[in-house]
Amino acid sequence: MEYEVVIGLETHIQLNTETKIFCSCKADSSLDAPNTNVCPVCMGMPGVLPVLNSRVVEKGVVLATAMNADVQSTSFFDRKNYFYPDLPKGYQISQYDRPLAKGGYMDVPQADGSTRRVTIWKLHLEEDAGKTKNDPAAGRRLIDFNRCGVPLVEMVTGPDIRSADEAANYLTRLRQLLRWIGVSEADMEKGHLRCDANVSLRPRGATHLNTKTEIKNVNSIEAVRTAIGKEIERQTREYESGNKIEAWTLEWDEDSQSLKKMRSKETEADYRYFREPDLLPVQLSGEWKSQILAEFPELPLVRRARFINDYGLPEYDAEILTAERSLSDYFESAVKSYGGDVKRVSNWLMNDVMRMLNDSGKTAGEIALTPLYLAEIIKLVDSGTVNTNTAKGLLQKVVATGKSPAEIVKSEGLAKVSDDSAIRAVVEQVMAEAPGEVAAYKSGKVGLMGWFVGQVMKKMQGKADAQKARIIFEELLK
């Protein structure tokens, strides 16, 4: 029998606020010693009261808008009750039936050119729990409460994803979006973006949903892809053997690249939700919402399409140039400053500037090579003031000094030498110093022309007009 894969993803997104959702402890405690970034509120001590961090609501509204969700004017917090060692209160403050936003979707481009619309079933705010860690040497389990109270958005997709690759594509686009709109660092290895995958199979053509399993403890997009693939294979074997699928929660073991059963999967009824009595409803006025969204950016997939349609860029270029917002903004600024061929700017940015960014570990907005300076360098090449090799060196000099390209060219005498007599003298010198190569060229090894020109460029410190040098060589070598 041929089966269809049905996948839904539950993502927990850590919002990059300075403080936690209900107290003044700092939200990012990744560099802190265990159990040092806590207070009576996030530890659930008797008699303390939570106070909602308004920045959490604002970032949640931005994310909901980016996901095409319907932001609610009134929402409530609820208590999600369960007992686990990393939850000191015995309950988690979350949202249930009246969340910050409802509905939503993301259209995800696929490798074959198609688009998969992934709907959003839940999008709500909540606090994070602590973190547990095994200590095999001591035979015990350790608990770090630093993450308690860290602000999260939980976002649950509909059962719309049909393969492990589609799940990976969705997470890649979601991570890009989160960074683009500035609500999360979205680093899965640091726990800023966590994903649980619900996987089931059904006969192809069926419309019902079969029993699903939930995969937890995956800390990279590739791990999600691999774990889902393993579970699809397991469920296929079970069905073909005549067995039933049980509603398990499975743990992904990165070391062994395998799935292990953790427990039976809980249902919503197990959590006994009720309204959080210590928090007022969240009232989102039209004025507040307008303030939050006043600088809402053009989203990456929209900009990608615009780069293709308006600038005539190839899809590959548009994809690369919209991977990060800072790079995309840099490109547009450089195009406006240059005023010429857009593809020329794209080539310089992707081939040379991005290599510098990767080597330095910086973003496009953090280097001294401004978009204006990049445009100036390209213009210097276009006008014949410097050659391409000198221009590539200029990139590094601008980054190192912060000076303008024109200033560096003038102060270091980097302008291209186009004087025929000066170039001819060096050409004659190269030929005199290399009689063997001259004889080889005349006997048919015309590929040596590149070597001859290179020697001239070397002697003239890269400032010679290479085309003129080639013409002179061709004349003298006849």
Foldseek 3Di string as FASTA:
>chain_A
DDKWKWKKKKKKAFFQDQAFFFDRFGQDCLPPDFQPRDDCVLLVPPPDFTDGDVVLLLLLLLVCVVQVWAFDQWFFWKWFAADDVQRNNRTWTWGDPGFRTAKGWDWFQDPVRHTFIWIWGDKHKTADTWDWDDDVVVRDIDIGGNRRRRIIIIIMIGRRDTALRSQLRVLLQVCLQCQQQRTFPSQLQSPSMFMKMWMDMDHPPDDDTFATEIEGDDRDSVLSSLANVQVVVVNVVQVVVVHGDAHFYWYQDPVVRYIDTDGHDDDSVVRVMDTDPRDDINRHDPVNSCVSCVCNDDTLVNQLVCCCVVLVDPSVLSCVQSSHNQSVVQLVVLCVLQVDRSVVSSCCCVPQVVVVCVVVVHGQVPFLCGSNLSSVLVVCCVVQQAPPVVSSVLVVVCRVPSDRSVVCCVVVVRTADEDLVVLLVLLVVLCVVCVPVLVVVLVPPVVCLVVSLVSSCVVVVNRYPSVSNSVSNVVVSD
